[in-house]
């Protein structure tokens, strides 16, 4: 669902972005060959024009990637939000 009139976080905190994503994971210890095959087939599905169009209708975007790229995304996001949590002195309740 697209919400073009909904303000973004950047409207309130200039320069800041936040994303939500869904990914497919595998248990630790899954053989590299299995992960590589899954990644190849998932990326092929993501390239399908019908799948891309359906997701676009829902307001989403499909990005192909690699397991290493996803690991970097998670590490970068973890670091980014850890800084926010520390700067705001947020504590678990």
C-alpha atoms as a PDB file:
ATOM      1  CA  UNK A   1       0.000   0.000   0.000  1.00  0.00           C
ATOM      2  CA  UNK A   2       1.376   3.377  -0.963  1.00  0.00           C
ATOM      3  CA  UNK A   3       0.768   6.317   1.384  1.00  0.00           C
ATOM      4  CA  UNK A   4       1.972   9.363  -0.576  1.00  0.00           C
ATOM      5  CA  UNK A   5       0.488  11.898   1.877  1.00  0.00           C
ATOM      6  CA  UNK A   6       2.049  10.308   4.952  1.00  0.00           C
ATOM      7  CA  UNK A   7       5.043  12.323   6.196  1.00  0.00           C
ATOM      8  CA  UNK A   8       8.338  10.468   6.285  1.00  0.00           C
ATOM      9  CA  UNK A   9      10.827  10.453   9.132  1.00  0.00           C
ATOM     10  CA  UNK A  10      12.991  12.725   6.967  1.00  0.00           C
ATOM     11  CA  UNK A  11      10.241  15.371   7.229  1.00  0.00           C
ATOM     12  CA  UNK A  12      10.864  15.501  10.988  1.00  0.00           C
ATOM     13  CA  UNK A  13      14.555  14.591  11.204  1.00  0.00           C
ATOM     14  CA  UNK A  14      16.250  15.922   8.056  1.00  0.00           C
ATOM     15  CA  UNK A  15      18.889  13.624   6.648  1.00  0.00           C
ATOM     16  CA  UNK A  16      17.591  10.584   8.503  1.00  0.00           C
ATOM     17  CA  UNK A  17      16.227   7.533   6.773  1.00  0.00           C
ATOM     18  CA  UNK A  18      14.680   4.337   8.018  1.00  0.00           C
ATOM     19  CA  UNK A  19      13.756   1.292   6.000  1.00  0.00           C
ATOM     20  CA  UNK A  20      11.790  -1.838   6.629  1.00  0.00           C
ATOM     21  CA  UNK A  21      12.698  -5.013   4.864  1.00  0.00           C
ATOM     22  CA  UNK A  22      11.807  -8.660   4.655  1.00  0.00           C
ATOM     23  CA  UNK A  23      14.410 -11.259   3.894  1.00  0.00           C
ATOM     24  CA  UNK A  24      14.776 -14.988   3.785  1.00  0.00           C
ATOM     25  CA  UNK A  25      17.289 -16.567   6.122  1.00  0.00           C
ATOM     26  CA  UNK A  26      18.708 -20.008   6.746  1.00  0.00           C
ATOM     27  CA  UNK A  27      19.856 -21.639   9.977  1.00  0.00           C
ATOM     28  CA  UNK A  28      23.467 -21.215  11.025  1.00  0.00           C
ATOM     29  CA  UNK A  29      25.586 -23.968   9.582  1.00  0.00           C
ATOM     30  CA  UNK A  30      23.602 -24.301   6.359  1.00  0.00           C
ATOM     31  CA  UNK A  31      26.074 -25.402   3.679  1.00  0.00           C
ATOM     32  CA  UNK A  32      27.350 -22.599   1.451  1.00  0.00           C
ATOM     33  CA  UNK A  33      26.256 -24.483  -1.666  1.00  0.00           C
ATOM     34  CA  UNK A  34      22.653 -24.548  -0.389  1.00  0.00           C
ATOM     35  CA  UNK A  35      22.729 -20.838   0.467  1.00  0.00           C
ATOM     36  CA  UNK A  36      24.207 -19.993  -2.935  1.00  0.00           C
ATOM     37  CA  UNK A  37      21.489 -22.014  -4.715  1.00  0.00           C
ATOM     38  CA  UNK A  38      18.728 -20.383  -2.653  1.00  0.00           C
ATOM     39  CA  UNK A  39      20.180 -16.930  -3.338  1.00  0.00           C
ATOM     40  CA  UNK A  40      20.386 -17.602  -7.070  1.00  0.00           C
ATOM     41  CA  UNK A  41      16.792 -18.841  -7.287  1.00  0.00           C
ATOM     42  CA  UNK A  42      15.375 -16.076  -5.068  1.00  0.00           C
ATOM     43  CA  UNK A  43      17.154 -13.413  -7.133  1.00  0.00           C
ATOM     44  CA  UNK A  44      15.736 -15.016 -10.297  1.00  0.00           C
ATOM     45  CA  UNK A  45      12.244 -14.722  -8.810  1.00  0.00           C
ATOM     46  CA  UNK A  46      12.889 -11.117  -7.871  1.00  0.00           C
ATOM     47  CA  UNK A  47      13.746 -10.400 -11.507  1.00  0.00           C
ATOM     48  CA  UNK A  48      10.340 -11.679 -12.693  1.00  0.00           C
ATOM     49  CA  UNK A  49       8.363  -8.691 -14.085  1.00  0.00           C
ATOM     50  CA  UNK A  50       5.055 -10.021 -12.689  1.00  0.00           C
ATOM     51  CA  UNK A  51       6.461 -10.324  -9.182  1.00  0.00           C
ATOM     52  CA  UNK A  52       8.089  -6.884  -9.388  1.00  0.00           C
ATOM     53  CA  UNK A  53       4.844  -5.318 -10.667  1.00  0.00           C
ATOM     54  CA  UNK A  54       2.762  -6.894  -7.903  1.00  0.00           C
ATOM     55  CA  UNK A  55       5.116  -5.669  -5.217  1.00  0.00           C
ATOM     56  CA  UNK A  56       5.203  -2.191  -6.796  1.00  0.00           C
ATOM     57  CA  UNK A  57       1.386  -2.141  -6.623  1.00  0.00           C
ATOM     58  CA  UNK A  58       1.779  -2.763  -2.893  1.00  0.00           C
ATOM     59  CA  UNK A  59       4.292   0.072  -2.544  1.00  0.00           C
ATOM     60  CA  UNK A  60       7.353  -2.138  -2.251  1.00  0.00           C
ATOM     61  CA  UNK A  61      10.594  -2.600  -4.063  1.00  0.00           C
ATOM     62  CA  UNK A  62      12.497  -5.814  -4.712  1.00  0.00           C
ATOM     63  CA  UNK A  63      16.263  -5.680  -4.509  1.00  0.00           C
ATOM     64  CA  UNK A  64      18.461  -8.581  -5.499  1.00  0.00           C
ATOM     65  CA  UNK A  65      21.509  -9.202  -3.417  1.00  0.00           C
ATOM     66  CA  UNK A  66      23.984 -11.593  -1.934  1.00  0.00           C
ATOM     67  CA  UNK A  67      24.296 -13.207   1.499  1.00  0.00           C
ATOM     68  CA  UNK A  68      27.382 -11.047   2.144  1.00  0.00           C
ATOM     69  CA  UNK A  69      25.489  -7.905   1.140  1.00  0.00           C
ATOM     70  CA  UNK A  70      22.622  -8.759   3.465  1.00  0.00           C
ATOM     71  CA  UNK A  71      25.046  -9.433   6.328  1.00  0.00           C
ATOM     72  CA  UNK A  72      26.556  -5.979   5.725  1.00  0.00           C
ATOM     73  CA  UNK A  73      23.090  -4.383   5.701  1.00  0.00           C
ATOM     74  CA  UNK A  74      22.284  -5.992   9.056  1.00  0.00           C
ATOM     75  CA  UNK A  75      25.637  -4.958  10.552  1.00  0.00           C
ATOM     76  CA  UNK A  76      25.298  -1.374   9.280  1.00  0.00           C
ATOM     77  CA  UNK A  77      21.698  -1.085  10.500  1.00  0.00           C
ATOM     78  CA  UNK A  78      22.649  -2.519  13.899  1.00  0.00           C
ATOM     79  CA  UNK A  79      25.439   0.047  14.254  1.00  0.00           C
ATOM     80  CA  UNK A  80      23.186   2.903  13.095  1.00  0.00           C
ATOM     81  CA  UNK A  81      20.402   2.115  15.558  1.00  0.00           C
ATOM     82  CA  UNK A  82      22.835   1.403  18.406  1.00  0.00           C
ATOM     83  CA  UNK A  83      24.113   4.972  18.003  1.00  0.00           C
ATOM     84  CA  UNK A  84      20.552   6.305  18.145  1.00  0.00           C
ATOM     85  CA  UNK A  85      19.816   4.257  21.260  1.00  0.00           C
ATOM     86  CA  UNK A  86      22.988   5.418  23.008  1.00  0.00           C
ATOM     87  CA  UNK A  87      22.480   9.084  22.009  1.00  0.00           C
ATOM     88  CA  UNK A  88      18.917   9.031  23.315  1.00  0.00           C
ATOM     89  CA  UNK A  89      19.982   7.093  26.436  1.00  0.00           C
ATOM     90  CA  UNK A  90      17.283   4.509  25.772  1.00  0.00           C
ATOM     91  CA  UNK A  91      17.203   1.694  28.323  1.00  0.00           C
ATOM     92  CA  UNK A  92      15.329  -1.591  28.304  1.00  0.00           C
ATOM     93  CA  UNK A  93      12.445  -1.668  30.741  1.00  0.00           C
END
